[in-house]
C-alpha atoms as a PDB file:
ATOM      1  CA  TYR A   1      -0.902 -16.307  -1.783  1.00  0.00           C
ATOM      2  CA  GLY A   2      -4.027 -14.828  -0.270  1.00  0.00           C
ATOM      3  CA  THR A   3      -6.835 -12.754  -1.655  1.00  0.00           C
ATOM      4  CA  LEU A   4      -7.321  -9.242  -0.348  1.00  0.00           C
ATOM      5  CA  SER A   5     -10.613  -7.754   0.741  1.00  0.00           C
ATOM      6  CA  ALA A   6     -11.459  -4.079   0.240  1.00  0.00           C
ATOM      7  CA  GLU A   7     -11.112  -3.573   3.995  1.00  0.00           C
ATOM      8  CA  ALA A   8      -7.602  -5.088   3.973  1.00  0.00           C
ATOM      9  CA  VAL A   9      -6.619  -2.874   1.024  1.00  0.00           C
ATOM     10  CA  ARG A  10      -7.741   0.251   2.893  1.00  0.00           C
ATOM     11  CA  GLU A  11      -5.728  -0.872   5.932  1.00  0.00           C
ATOM     12  CA  ILE A  12      -2.644  -1.457   3.774  1.00  0.00           C
ATOM     13  CA  PHE A  13      -3.028   1.889   2.026  1.00  0.00           C
ATOM     14  CA  LEU A  14      -3.277   3.778   5.307  1.00  0.00           C
ATOM     15  CA  GLN A  15       0.030   2.259   6.430  1.00  0.00           C
ATOM     16  CA  ARG A  16       1.980   3.580   3.448  1.00  0.00           C
ATOM     17  CA  PRO A  17       5.184   5.442   4.281  1.00  0.00           C
ATOM     18  CA  PRO A  18       5.514   9.210   3.830  1.00  0.00           C
ATOM     19  CA  ARG A  19       6.741  10.604   0.529  1.00  0.00           C
ATOM     20  CA  ASN A  20       9.998  12.431  -0.147  1.00  0.00           C
ATOM     21  CA  ASP A  21       9.942  15.899  -1.738  1.00  0.00           C
ATOM     22  CA  ASP A  22      10.296  14.303  -5.184  1.00  0.00           C
ATOM     23  CA  GLY A  23       7.142  12.205  -4.683  1.00  0.00           C
ATOM     24  CA  THR A  24       8.876   8.898  -4.068  1.00  0.00           C
ATOM     25  CA  PHE A  25       8.253   6.945  -0.892  1.00  0.00           C
ATOM     26  CA  VAL A  26      10.697   6.904   1.981  1.00  0.00           C
ATOM     27  CA  PRO A  27      12.421   3.490   1.860  1.00  0.00           C
ATOM     28  CA  SER A  28      10.142   1.083   3.662  1.00  0.00           C
ATOM     29  CA  SER A  29      10.979  -2.473   2.715  1.00  0.00           C
ATOM     30  CA  HIS A  30      10.441  -3.632   6.288  1.00  0.00           C
ATOM     31  CA  VAL A  31       6.900  -2.183   6.267  1.00  0.00           C
ATOM     32  CA  SER A  32       5.950  -3.721   2.923  1.00  0.00           C
ATOM     33  CA  HIS A  33       7.521  -7.038   3.950  1.00  0.00           C
ATOM     34  CA  LYS A  34       5.553  -7.153   7.203  1.00  0.00           C
ATOM     35  CA  LEU A  35       2.267  -6.224   5.511  1.00  0.00           C
ATOM     36  CA  ALA A  36       2.835  -8.760   2.738  1.00  0.00           C
ATOM     37  CA  ALA A  37       3.427 -11.511   5.286  1.00  0.00           C
ATOM     38  CA  THR A  38       0.398 -10.485   7.342  1.00  0.00           C
ATOM     39  CA  HIS A  39      -1.949 -10.438   4.331  1.00  0.00           C
ATOM     40  CA  ARG A  40      -0.263 -13.335   2.524  1.00  0.00           C
ATOM     41  CA  VAL A  41       0.484 -11.399  -0.659  1.00  0.00           C
ATOM     42  CA  CYS A  42       3.740 -10.387  -2.326  1.00  0.00           C
ATOM     43  CA  GLU A  43       5.498  -7.131  -1.480  1.00  0.00           C
ATOM     44  CA  ARG A  44       4.923  -5.889  -5.014  1.00  0.00           C
ATOM     45  CA  GLN A  45       1.170  -6.023  -4.403  1.00  0.00           C
ATOM     46  CA  ILE A  46       1.624  -3.830  -1.316  1.00  0.00           C
ATOM     47  CA  ARG A  47       3.697  -1.281  -3.238  1.00  0.00           C
ATOM     48  CA  GLU A  48       1.177  -1.212  -6.099  1.00  0.00           C
ATOM     49  CA  ILE A  49      -1.616  -0.456  -3.632  1.00  0.00           C
ATOM     50  CA  TRP A  50       0.469   2.375  -2.141  1.00  0.00           C
ATOM     51  CA  ASN A  51       1.263   3.774  -5.603  1.00  0.00           C
ATOM     52  CA  GLY A  52      -2.321   3.614  -6.851  1.00  0.00           C
ATOM     53  CA  LYS A  53      -1.557   1.032  -9.545  1.00  0.00           C
ATOM     54  CA  CYS A  54      -4.255  -1.335  -8.334  1.00  0.00           C
ATOM     55  CA  TRP A  55      -7.349  -1.161  -6.119  1.00  0.00           C
ATOM     56  CA  ARG A  56      -7.816   2.508  -7.083  1.00  0.00           C
ATOM     57  CA  LYS A  57     -11.580   2.447  -6.619  1.00  0.00           C
ATOM     58  CA  VAL A  58     -11.104   1.324  -3.026  1.00  0.00           C
ATOM     59  CA  THR A  59      -8.240   3.657  -2.115  1.00  0.00           C
ATOM     60  CA  ARG A  60      -9.289   6.800  -4.026  1.00  0.00           C
ATOM     61  CA  PRO A  61     -11.360   8.215  -1.129  1.00  0.00           C
ATOM     62  CA  LEU A  62      -8.241   7.943   1.055  1.00  0.00           C
ATOM     63  CA  TRP A  63      -5.919   9.881  -1.263  1.00  0.00           C
ATOM     64  CA  THR A  64      -4.435  13.141  -0.064  1.00  0.00           C
ATOM     65  CA  ASP A  65      -2.117  15.700  -1.627  1.00  0.00           C
ATOM     66  CA  GLU A  66       0.785  14.303   0.420  1.00  0.00           C
END
């Protein structure tokens, strides 16, 4: 598996799917799979970036109320 740079994390975060009314993400396994393959990380890492469970200091300026 690869190591992510802050720039790659921002790129991944900006490609997150929209959220449903209940705050969960619209199903997007194809998106997370493609990003994981591109960046050579596991899909879980992609989802954790989207959910703010890791790389928070890098993604925090990109957060919105959506």
